[in-house]
Amino acid sequence: MNSLKPGDTAVYYCAASPDYRSDYYVPISRNEYRYWGQGTQVT
């Protein structure tokens, strides 16, 4: 993350989706992800 702005302040979560093994489709909806981390704070 470069050129950070105050509007980027949030808890950031990573998520894994084993259901979309494709080189063409990128899942962007929350319900497409099965596993989630606990989050890390960015201020």
All heavy atoms as atom14 arrays in JSON, in Angstrom:
{
  "sequence": "MNSLKPGDTAVYYCAASPDYRSDYYVPISRNEYRYWGQGTQVT",
  "atom14_mask": [
    [1, 1, 1, 1, 1, 1, 1, 1, 0, 0, 0, 0, 0, 0],
    [1, 1, 1, 1, 1, 1, 1, 1, 0, 0, 0, 0, 0, 0],
    [1, 1, 1, 1, 1, 1, 0, 0, 0, 0, 0, 0, 0, 0],
    [1, 1, 1, 1, 1, 1, 1, 1, 0, 0, 0, 0, 0, 0],
    [1, 1, 1, 1, 1, 1, 1, 1, 1, 0, 0, 0, 0, 0],
    [1, 1, 1, 1, 1, 1, 1, 0, 0, 0, 0, 0, 0, 0],
    [1, 1, 1, 1, 0, 0, 0, 0, 0, 0, 0, 0, 0, 0],
    [1, 1, 1, 1, 1, 1, 1, 1, 0, 0, 0, 0, 0, 0],
    [1, 1, 1, 1, 1, 1, 1, 0, 0, 0, 0, 0, 0, 0],
    [1, 1, 1, 1, 1, 0, 0, 0, 0, 0, 0, 0, 0, 0],
    [1, 1, 1, 1, 1, 1, 1, 0, 0, 0, 0, 0, 0, 0],
    [1, 1, 1, 1, 1, 1, 1, 1, 1, 1, 1, 1, 0, 0],
    [1, 1, 1, 1, 1, 1, 1, 1, 1, 1, 1, 1, 0, 0],
    [1, 1, 1, 1, 1, 1, 0, 0, 0, 0, 0, 0, 0, 0],
    [1, 1, 1, 1, 1, 0, 0, 0, 0, 0, 0, 0, 0, 0],
    [1, 1, 1, 1, 1, 0, 0, 0, 0, 0, 0, 0, 0, 0],
    [1, 1, 1, 1, 1, 1, 0, 0, 0, 0, 0, 0, 0, 0],
    [1, 1, 1, 1, 1, 1, 1, 0, 0, 0, 0, 0, 0, 0],
    [1, 1, 1, 1, 1, 1, 1, 1, 0, 0, 0, 0, 0, 0],
    [1, 1, 1, 1, 1, 1, 1, 1, 1, 1, 1, 1, 0, 0],
    [1, 1, 1, 1, 1, 1, 1, 1, 1, 1, 1, 0, 0, 0],
    [1, 1, 1, 1, 1, 1, 0, 0, 0, 0, 0, 0, 0, 0],
    [1, 1, 1, 1, 1, 1, 1, 1, 0, 0, 0, 0, 0, 0],
    [1, 1, 1, 1, 1, 1, 1, 1, 1, 1, 1, 1, 0, 0],
    [1, 1, 1, 1, 1, 1, 1, 1, 1, 1, 1, 1, 0, 0],
    [1, 1, 1, 1, 1, 1, 1, 0, 0, 0, 0, 0, 0, 0],
    [1, 1, 1, 1, 1, 1, 1, 0, 0, 0, 0, 0, 0, 0],
    [1, 1, 1, 1, 1, 1, 1, 1, 0, 0, 0, 0, 0, 0],
    [1, 1, 1, 1, 1, 1, 0, 0, 0, 0, 0, 0, 0, 0],
    [1, 1, 1, 1, 1, 1, 1, 1, 1, 1, 1, 0, 0, 0],
    [1, 1, 1, 1, 1, 1, 1, 1, 0, 0, 0, 0, 0, 0],
    [1, 1, 1, 1, 1, 1, 1, 1, 1, 0, 0, 0, 0, 0],
    [1, 1, 1, 1, 1, 1, 1, 1, 1, 1, 1, 1, 0, 0],
    [1, 1, 1, 1, 1, 1, 1, 1, 1, 1, 1, 0, 0, 0],
    [1, 1, 1, 1, 1, 1, 1, 1, 1, 1, 1, 1, 0, 0],
    [1, 1, 1, 1, 1, 1, 1, 1, 1, 1, 1, 1, 1, 1],
    [1, 1, 1, 1, 0, 0, 0, 0, 0, 0, 0, 0, 0, 0],
    [1, 1, 1, 1, 1, 1, 1, 1, 1, 0, 0, 0, 0, 0],
    [1, 1, 1, 1, 0, 0, 0, 0, 0, 0, 0, 0, 0, 0],
    [1, 1, 1, 1, 1, 1, 1, 0, 0, 0, 0, 0, 0, 0],
    [1, 1, 1, 1, 1, 1, 1, 1, 1, 0, 0, 0, 0, 0],
    [1, 1, 1, 1, 1, 1, 1, 0, 0, 0, 0, 0, 0, 0],
    [1, 1, 1, 1, 1, 1, 1, 0, 0, 0, 0, 0, 0, 0]
  ],
  "atom14_positions": [
    [[0.85, -1.19, 0.0], [0.0, 0.0, 0.0], [0.88, 1.23, 0.0], [1.65, 1.46, 0.94], [-0.9, 0.0, 1.24], [-1.73, -1.28, 1.38], [-2.92, -1.2, 2.74], [-1.82, -1.09, 4.14], [0.0, 0.0, 0.0], [0.0, 0.0, 0.0], [0.0, 0.0, 0.0], [0.0, 0.0, 0.0], [0.0, 0.0, 0.0], [0.0, 0.0, 0.0]],
    [[0.8, 2.01, -1.06], [1.58, 3.24, -1.21], [0.64, 4.45, -1.24], [-0.56, 4.31, -1.45], [2.39, 3.2, -2.49], [3.39, 2.06, -2.51], [3.91, 1.65, -1.47], [3.65, 1.52, -3.7], [0.0, 0.0, 0.0], [0.0, 0.0, 0.0], [0.0, 0.0, 0.0], [0.0, 0.0, 0.0], [0.0, 0.0, 0.0], [0.0, 0.0, 0.0]],
    [[1.21, 5.61, -1.03], [0.44, 6.87, -1.07], [-0.81, 6.77, -0.22], [-1.91, 7.12, -0.66], [0.08, 7.21, -2.52], [1.24, 7.32, -3.31], [0.0, 0.0, 0.0], [0.0, 0.0, 0.0], [0.0, 0.0, 0.0], [0.0, 0.0, 0.0], [0.0, 0.0, 0.0], [0.0, 0.0, 0.0], [0.0, 0.0, 0.0], [0.0, 0.0, 0.0]],
    [[-0.64, 6.3, 0.99], [-1.79, 6.07, 1.86], [-2.49, 7.37, 2.23], [-1.86, 8.43, 2.36], [-1.35, 5.33, 3.12], [-1.13, 3.83, 2.91], [-0.27, 3.25, 4.02], [-2.46, 3.1, 2.83], [0.0, 0.0, 0.0], [0.0, 0.0, 0.0], [0.0, 0.0, 0.0], [0.0, 0.0, 0.0], [0.0, 0.0, 0.0], [0.0, 0.0, 0.0]],
    [[-3.81, 7.26, 2.39], [-4.66, 8.4, 2.72], [-5.42, 8.11, 4.01], [-5.64, 6.93, 4.35], [-5.67, 8.64, 1.59], [-5.06, 8.81, 0.21], [-6.15, 8.9, -0.84], [-5.57, 9.05, -2.23], [-6.64, 9.13, -3.27], [0.0, 0.0, 0.0], [0.0, 0.0, 0.0], [0.0, 0.0, 0.0], [0.0, 0.0, 0.0], [0.0, 0.0, 0.0]],
    [[-5.85, 9.15, 4.71], [-6.64, 8.9, 5.93], [-7.86, 8.03, 5.67], [-8.28, 7.25, 6.53], [-7.02, 10.31, 6.38], [-5.89, 11.16, 5.9], [-5.5, 10.57, 4.57], [0.0, 0.0, 0.0], [0.0, 0.0, 0.0], [0.0, 0.0, 0.0], [0.0, 0.0, 0.0], [0.0, 0.0, 0.0], [0.0, 0.0, 0.0], [0.0, 0.0, 0.0]],
    [[-8.43, 8.11, 4.48], [-9.58, 7.29, 4.12], [-9.28, 5.81, 4.01], [-10.21, 5.0, 3.91], [0.0, 0.0, 0.0], [0.0, 0.0, 0.0], [0.0, 0.0, 0.0], [0.0, 0.0, 0.0], [0.0, 0.0, 0.0], [0.0, 0.0, 0.0], [0.0, 0.0, 0.0], [0.0, 0.0, 0.0], [0.0, 0.0, 0.0], [0.0, 0.0, 0.0]],
    [[-7.99, 5.46, 4.01], [-7.62, 4.04, 3.97], [-7.62, 3.42, 5.36], [-7.41, 2.21, 5.5], [-6.22, 3.88, 3.36], [-6.17, 4.31, 1.9], [-7.1, 3.97, 1.15], [-5.19, 4.99, 1.53], [0.0, 0.0, 0.0], [0.0, 0.0, 0.0], [0.0, 0.0, 0.0], [0.0, 0.0, 0.0], [0.0, 0.0, 0.0], [0.0, 0.0, 0.0]],
    [[-7.83, 4.23, 6.38], [-7.85, 3.71, 7.75], [-8.96, 2.69, 7.93], [-10.13, 2.97, 7.64], [-8.04, 4.88, 8.75], [-6.9, 5.74, 8.69], [-8.2, 4.35, 10.17], [0.0, 0.0, 0.0], [0.0, 0.0, 0.0], [0.0, 0.0, 0.0], [0.0, 0.0, 0.0], [0.0, 0.0, 0.0], [0.0, 0.0, 0.0], [0.0, 0.0, 0.0]],
    [[-8.59, 1.5, 8.4], [-9.55, 0.41, 8.55], [-8.84, -0.8, 9.13], [-7.6, -0.83, 9.21], [-10.17, 0.04, 7.21], [0.0, 0.0, 0.0], [0.0, 0.0, 0.0], [0.0, 0.0, 0.0], [0.0, 0.0, 0.0], [0.0, 0.0, 0.0], [0.0, 0.0, 0.0], [0.0, 0.0, 0.0], [0.0, 0.0, 0.0], [0.0, 0.0, 0.0]],
    [[-9.62, -1.8, 9.5], [-9.07, -3.12, 9.77], [-9.05, -3.87, 8.44], [-10.07, -3.93, 7.74], [-9.9, -3.89, 10.81], [-9.33, -5.29, 11.01], [-9.93, -3.13, 12.13], [0.0, 0.0, 0.0], [0.0, 0.0, 0.0], [0.0, 0.0, 0.0], [0.0, 0.0, 0.0], [0.0, 0.0, 0.0], [0.0, 0.0, 0.0], [0.0, 0.0, 0.0]],
    [[-7.9, -4.41, 8.1], [-7.73, -5.12, 6.82], [-7.75, -6.62, 7.07], [-7.04, -7.13, 7.94], [-6.42, -4.7, 6.16], [-6.52, -3.34, 5.49], [-6.61, -2.19, 6.26], [-6.56, -3.22, 4.11], [-6.74, -0.94, 5.67], [-6.68, -1.97, 3.5], [-6.77, -0.84, 4.29], [-6.89, 0.39, 3.7], [0.0, 0.0, 0.0], [0.0, 0.0, 0.0]],
    [[-8.55, -7.31, 6.27], [-8.7, -8.76, 6.38], [-8.27, -9.44, 5.1], [-8.59, -8.97, 4.0], [-10.17, -9.12, 6.62], [-10.78, -8.56, 7.88], [-11.37, -7.31, 7.89], [-10.76, -9.3, 9.07], [-11.94, -6.79, 9.04], [-11.32, -8.79, 10.22], [-11.9, -7.54, 10.2], [-12.46, -7.04, 11.36], [0.0, 0.0, 0.0], [0.0, 0.0, 0.0]],
    [[-7.57, -10.54, 5.22], [-7.33, -11.36, 4.03], [-8.31, -12.52, 4.05], [-8.8, -12.93, 5.1], [-5.89, -11.83, 3.91], [-5.4, -13.16, 4.97], [0.0, 0.0, 0.0], [0.0, 0.0, 0.0], [0.0, 0.0, 0.0], [0.0, 0.0, 0.0], [0.0, 0.0, 0.0], [0.0, 0.0, 0.0], [0.0, 0.0, 0.0], [0.0, 0.0, 0.0]],
    [[-8.58, -13.04, 2.87], [-9.56, -14.11, 2.72], [-9.11, -15.05, 1.62], [-8.45, -14.64, 0.66], [-10.93, -13.52, 2.4], [0.0, 0.0, 0.0], [0.0, 0.0, 0.0], [0.0, 0.0, 0.0], [0.0, 0.0, 0.0], [0.0, 0.0, 0.0], [0.0, 0.0, 0.0], [0.0, 0.0, 0.0], [0.0, 0.0, 0.0], [0.0, 0.0, 0.0]],
    [[-9.51, -16.31, 1.77], [-9.12, -17.34, 0.81], [-10.36, -17.98, 0.2], [-11.34, -18.26, 0.89], [-8.28, -18.41, 1.49], [0.0, 0.0, 0.0], [0.0, 0.0, 0.0], [0.0, 0.0, 0.0], [0.0, 0.0, 0.0], [0.0, 0.0, 0.0], [0.0, 0.0, 0.0], [0.0, 0.0, 0.0], [0.0, 0.0, 0.0], [0.0, 0.0, 0.0]],
    [[-10.26, -18.21, -1.11], [-11.37, -18.84, -1.82], [-10.85, -20.04, -2.6], [-10.24, -19.88, -3.67], [-12.01, -17.83, -2.78], [-13.03, -18.46, -3.53], [0.0, 0.0, 0.0], [0.0, 0.0, 0.0], [0.0, 0.0, 0.0], [0.0, 0.0, 0.0], [0.0, 0.0, 0.0], [0.0, 0.0, 0.0], [0.0, 0.0, 0.0], [0.0, 0.0, 0.0]],
    [[-11.11, -21.26, -2.1], [-10.67, -22.45, -2.82], [-11.63, -22.86, -3.92], [-11.37, -23.82, -4.65], [-10.63, -23.52, -1.72], [-11.68, -23.08, -0.75], [-11.7, -21.58, -0.8], [0.0, 0.0, 0.0], [0.0, 0.0, 0.0], [0.0, 0.0, 0.0], [0.0, 0.0, 0.0], [0.0, 0.0, 0.0], [0.0, 0.0, 0.0], [0.0, 0.0, 0.0]],
    [[-12.73, -22.13, -4.06], [-13.79, -22.54, -4.98], [-13.66, -21.94, -6.37], [-14.47, -22.25, -7.24], [-15.14, -22.16, -4.39], [-15.36, -22.78, -3.02], [-15.05, -23.98, -2.87], [-15.8, -22.06, -2.1], [0.0, 0.0, 0.0], [0.0, 0.0, 0.0], [0.0, 0.0, 0.0], [0.0, 0.0, 0.0], [0.0, 0.0, 0.0], [0.0, 0.0, 0.0]],
    [[-12.66, -21.07, -6.58], [-12.53, -20.41, -7.88], [-11.1, -20.58, -8.38], [-10.29, -19.67, -8.32], [-12.88, -18.92, -7.77], [-14.33, -18.71, -7.4], [-14.7, -18.56, -6.08], [-15.31, -18.67, -8.38], [-16.03, -18.38, -5.72], [-16.64, -18.48, -8.04], [-16.99, -18.35, -6.71], [-18.29, -18.17, -6.36], [0.0, 0.0, 0.0], [0.0, 0.0, 0.0]],
    [[-10.82, -21.78, -8.87], [-9.49, -22.07, -9.4], [-9.49, -21.74, -10.89], [-9.57, -22.63, -11.73], [-9.11, -23.52, -9.14], [-7.61, -23.77, -9.27], [-7.24, -25.14, -8.73], [-5.8, -25.33, -8.68], [-5.09, -25.88, -9.65], [-5.69, -26.28, -10.74], [-3.79, -26.03, -9.53], [0.0, 0.0, 0.0], [0.0, 0.0, 0.0], [0.0, 0.0, 0.0]],
    [[-9.41, -20.46, -11.16], [-9.5, -19.98, -12.54], [-8.44, -18.92, -12.78], [-8.09, -18.17, -11.88], [-10.89, -19.38, -12.79], [-10.92, -18.66, -14.0], [0.0, 0.0, 0.0], [0.0, 0.0, 0.0], [0.0, 0.0, 0.0], [0.0, 0.0, 0.0], [0.0, 0.0, 0.0], [0.0, 0.0, 0.0], [0.0, 0.0, 0.0], [0.0, 0.0, 0.0]],
    [[-7.94, -18.89, -13.98], [-7.01, -17.82, -14.36], [-7.72, -16.62, -14.95], [-7.06, -15.64, -15.35], [-5.99, -18.34, -15.38], [-4.91, -19.17, -14.72], [-4.64, -18.94, -13.52], [-4.36, -20.05, -15.39], [0.0, 0.0, 0.0], [0.0, 0.0, 0.0], [0.0, 0.0, 0.0], [0.0, 0.0, 0.0], [0.0, 0.0, 0.0], [0.0, 0.0, 0.0]],
    [[-9.05, -16.7, -15.0], [-9.8, -15.63, -15.66], [-10.76, -14.92, -14.73], [-11.06, -13.75, -14.91], [-10.57, -16.2, -16.86], [-9.67, -16.9, -17.84], [-9.56, -18.29, -17.84], [-8.91, -16.17, -18.74], [-8.7, -18.94, -18.73], [-8.06, -16.81, -19.63], [-7.96, -18.19, -19.61], [-7.12, -18.82, -20.48], [0.0, 0.0, 0.0], [0.0, 0.0, 0.0]],
    [[-11.25, -15.62, -13.74], [-12.25, -15.04, -12.86], [-11.64, -14.7, -11.51], [-11.01, -15.54, -10.87], [-13.42, -16.01, -12.65], [-14.5, -15.45, -11.76], [-15.38, -14.49, -12.24], [-14.62, -15.86, -10.43], [-16.36, -13.95, -11.42], [-15.59, -15.33, -9.61], [-16.45, -14.37, -10.11], [-17.42, -13.84, -9.29], [0.0, 0.0, 0.0], [0.0, 0.0, 0.0]],
    [[-11.81, -13.46, -11.1], [-11.3, -13.0, -9.82], [-12.48, -12.74, -8.89], [-13.28, -11.83, -9.15], [-10.48, -11.69, -9.97], [-9.89, -11.27, -8.62], [-9.37, -11.87, -11.0], [0.0, 0.0, 0.0], [0.0, 0.0, 0.0], [0.0, 0.0, 0.0], [0.0, 0.0, 0.0], [0.0, 0.0, 0.0], [0.0, 0.0, 0.0], [0.0, 0.0, 0.0]],
    [[-12.64, -13.5, -7.83], [-13.78, -13.29, -6.92], [-13.61, -11.99, -6.14], [-12.54, -11.71, -5.6], [-13.73, -14.51, -5.99], [-12.33, -15.0, -6.06], [-11.82, -14.65, -7.41], [0.0, 0.0, 0.0], [0.0, 0.0, 0.0], [0.0, 0.0, 0.0], [0.0, 0.0, 0.0], [0.0, 0.0, 0.0], [0.0, 0.0, 0.0], [0.0, 0.0, 0.0]],
    [[-14.68, -11.19, -6.08], [-14.61, -9.91, -5.38], [-15.72, -9.73, -4.35], [-15.75, -8.73, -3.65], [-14.63, -8.72, -6.37], [-15.96, -8.66, -7.12], [-13.46, -8.81, -7.35], [-16.12, -7.4, -7.95], [0.0, 0.0, 0.0], [0.0, 0.0, 0.0], [0.0, 0.0, 0.0], [0.0, 0.0, 0.0], [0.0, 0.0, 0.0], [0.0, 0.0, 0.0]],
    [[-16.61, -10.72, -4.24], [-17.69, -10.61, -3.25], [-17.34, -11.35, -1.97], [-16.67, -12.39, -2.01], [-18.98, -11.2, -3.82], [-19.39, -10.49, -4.96], [0.0, 0.0, 0.0], [0.0, 0.0, 0.0], [0.0, 0.0, 0.0], [0.0, 0.0, 0.0], [0.0, 0.0, 0.0], [0.0, 0.0, 0.0], [0.0, 0.0, 0.0], [0.0, 0.0, 0.0]],
    [[-17.8, -10.83, -0.84], [-17.5, -11.46, 0.44], [-17.97, -12.91, 0.47], [-17.28, -13.78, 1.0], [-18.19, -10.69, 1.56], [-17.55, -9.35, 1.88], [-18.29, -8.66, 3.0], [-18.37, -9.48, 4.2], [-19.05, -9.14, 5.28], [-19.71, -8.0, 5.32], [-19.07, -9.93, 6.34], [0.0, 0.0, 0.0], [0.0, 0.0, 0.0], [0.0, 0.0, 0.0]],
    [[-19.12, -13.18, -0.1], [-19.67, -14.53, -0.01], [-18.97, -15.52, -0.92], [-19.31, -16.71, -0.93], [-21.18, -14.53, -0.26], [-21.54, -14.0, -1.62], [-20.67, -13.73, -2.44], [-22.82, -13.81, -1.87], [0.0, 0.0, 0.0], [0.0, 0.0, 0.0], [0.0, 0.0, 0.0], [0.0, 0.0, 0.0], [0.0, 0.0, 0.0], [0.0, 0.0, 0.0]],
    [[-17.99, -15.07, -1.7], [-17.2, -15.97, -2.53], [-15.97, -16.48, -1.79], [-15.23, -17.3, -2.32], [-16.78, -15.27, -3.83], [-17.94, -14.93, -4.74], [-17.52, -14.22, -6.0], [-16.81, -13.18, -5.89], [-17.88, -14.68, -7.09], [0.0, 0.0, 0.0], [0.0, 0.0, 0.0], [0.0, 0.0, 0.0], [0.0, 0.0, 0.0], [0.0, 0.0, 0.0]],
    [[-15.75, -15.98, -0.58], [-14.58, -16.35, 0.2], [-15.0, -17.21, 1.38], [-15.93, -16.87, 2.11], [-13.83, -15.11, 0.66], [-13.09, -14.46, -0.49], [-13.72, -13.54, -1.32], [-11.77, -14.8, -0.77], [-13.06, -12.98, -2.4], [-11.1, -14.23, -1.83], [-11.75, -13.33, -2.65], [-11.09, -12.78, -3.72], [0.0, 0.0, 0.0], [0.0, 0.0, 0.0]],
    [[-14.28, -18.32, 1.56], [-14.67, -19.27, 2.6], [-13.9, -19.07, 3.9], [-14.44, -19.32, 4.97], [-14.43, -20.7, 2.09], [-15.18, -21.76, 2.89], [-14.78, -23.15, 2.5], [-14.99, -23.45, 1.08], [-14.7, -24.64, 0.55], [-14.21, -25.59, 1.3], [-14.9, -24.85, -0.73], [0.0, 0.0, 0.0], [0.0, 0.0, 0.0], [0.0, 0.0, 0.0]],
    [[-12.65, -18.64, 3.81], [-11.81, -18.52, 5.01], [-11.35, -17.08, 5.18], [-11.0, -16.4, 4.2], [-10.6, -19.45, 4.88], [-10.97, -20.88, 4.64], [-10.75, -21.47, 3.4], [-11.55, -21.65, 5.64], [-11.11, -22.78, 3.16], [-11.9, -22.96, 5.42], [-11.69, -23.53, 4.18], [-12.04, -24.82, 3.95], [0.0, 0.0, 0.0], [0.0, 0.0, 0.0]],
    [[-11.29, -16.66, 6.45], [-10.94, -15.28, 6.78], [-9.92, -15.22, 7.91], [-9.94, -16.06, 8.81], [-12.19, -14.51, 7.23], [-13.17, -14.32, 6.13], [-14.11, -15.22, 5.7], [-13.33, -13.17, 5.31], [-14.82, -14.69, 4.65], [-14.37, -13.42, 4.4], [-12.69, -11.93, 5.25], [-14.77, -12.5, 3.44], [-13.09, -11.0, 4.31], [-14.13, -11.29, 3.42]],
    [[-9.05, -14.22, 7.82], [-8.14, -13.96, 8.93], [-8.8, -13.09, 9.98], [-9.97, -12.69, 9.82], [0.0, 0.0, 0.0], [0.0, 0.0, 0.0], [0.0, 0.0, 0.0], [0.0, 0.0, 0.0], [0.0, 0.0, 0.0], [0.0, 0.0, 0.0], [0.0, 0.0, 0.0], [0.0, 0.0, 0.0], [0.0, 0.0, 0.0], [0.0, 0.0, 0.0]],
    [[-8.06, -12.78, 11.04], [-8.59, -12.0, 12.15], [-8.48, -10.49, 11.91], [-9.12, -9.71, 12.63], [-7.85, -12.36, 13.44], [-8.12, -13.78, 13.9], [-9.59, -14.02, 14.15], [-10.23, -13.3, 14.91], [-10.15, -15.04, 13.51], [0.0, 0.0, 0.0], [0.0, 0.0, 0.0], [0.0, 0.0, 0.0], [0.0, 0.0, 0.0], [0.0, 0.0, 0.0]],
    [[-7.69, -10.09, 10.96], [-7.59, -8.67, 10.63], [-6.37, -8.01, 11.24], [-5.85, -8.44, 12.27], [0.0, 0.0, 0.0], [0.0, 0.0, 0.0], [0.0, 0.0, 0.0], [0.0, 0.0, 0.0], [0.0, 0.0, 0.0], [0.0, 0.0, 0.0], [0.0, 0.0, 0.0], [0.0, 0.0, 0.0], [0.0, 0.0, 0.0], [0.0, 0.0, 0.0]],
    [[-5.91, -6.94, 10.59], [-4.82, -6.13, 11.1], [-5.2, -4.66, 10.9], [-5.71, -4.27, 9.85], [-3.49, -6.47, 10.4], [-2.42, -5.74, 11.0], [-3.52, -6.18, 8.9], [0.0, 0.0, 0.0], [0.0, 0.0, 0.0], [0.0, 0.0, 0.0], [0.0, 0.0, 0.0], [0.0, 0.0, 0.0], [0.0, 0.0, 0.0], [0.0, 0.0, 0.0]],
    [[-4.94, -3.85, 11.93], [-5.35, -2.45, 11.9], [-4.37, -1.61, 11.11], [-3.16, -1.68, 11.33], [-5.46, -1.9, 13.33], [-5.79, -0.42, 13.42], [-7.22, -0.12, 13.01], [-8.15, -0.8, 13.44], [-7.41, 0.91, 12.19], [0.0, 0.0, 0.0], [0.0, 0.0, 0.0], [0.0, 0.0, 0.0], [0.0, 0.0, 0.0], [0.0, 0.0, 0.0]],
    [[-4.9, -0.79, 10.22], [-4.11, 0.21, 9.5], [-4.7, 1.58, 9.82], [-5.9, 1.81, 9.62], [-4.15, -0.03, 7.98], [-3.51, 1.14, 7.23], [-3.44, -1.34, 7.64], [0.0, 0.0, 0.0], [0.0, 0.0, 0.0], [0.0, 0.0, 0.0], [0.0, 0.0, 0.0], [0.0, 0.0, 0.0], [0.0, 0.0, 0.0], [0.0, 0.0, 0.0]],
    [[-3.87, 2.47, 10.33], [-4.3, 3.82, 10.68], [-3.41, 4.81, 9.95], [-2.19, 4.78, 10.07], [-4.23, 4.07, 12.19], [-5.01, 3.08, 12.87], [-4.76, 5.45, 12.53], [0.0, 0.0, 0.0], [0.0, 0.0, 0.0], [0.0, 0.0, 0.0], [0.0, 0.0, 0.0], [0.0, 0.0, 0.0], [0.0, 0.0, 0.0], [0.0, 0.0, 0.0]]
  ]
}
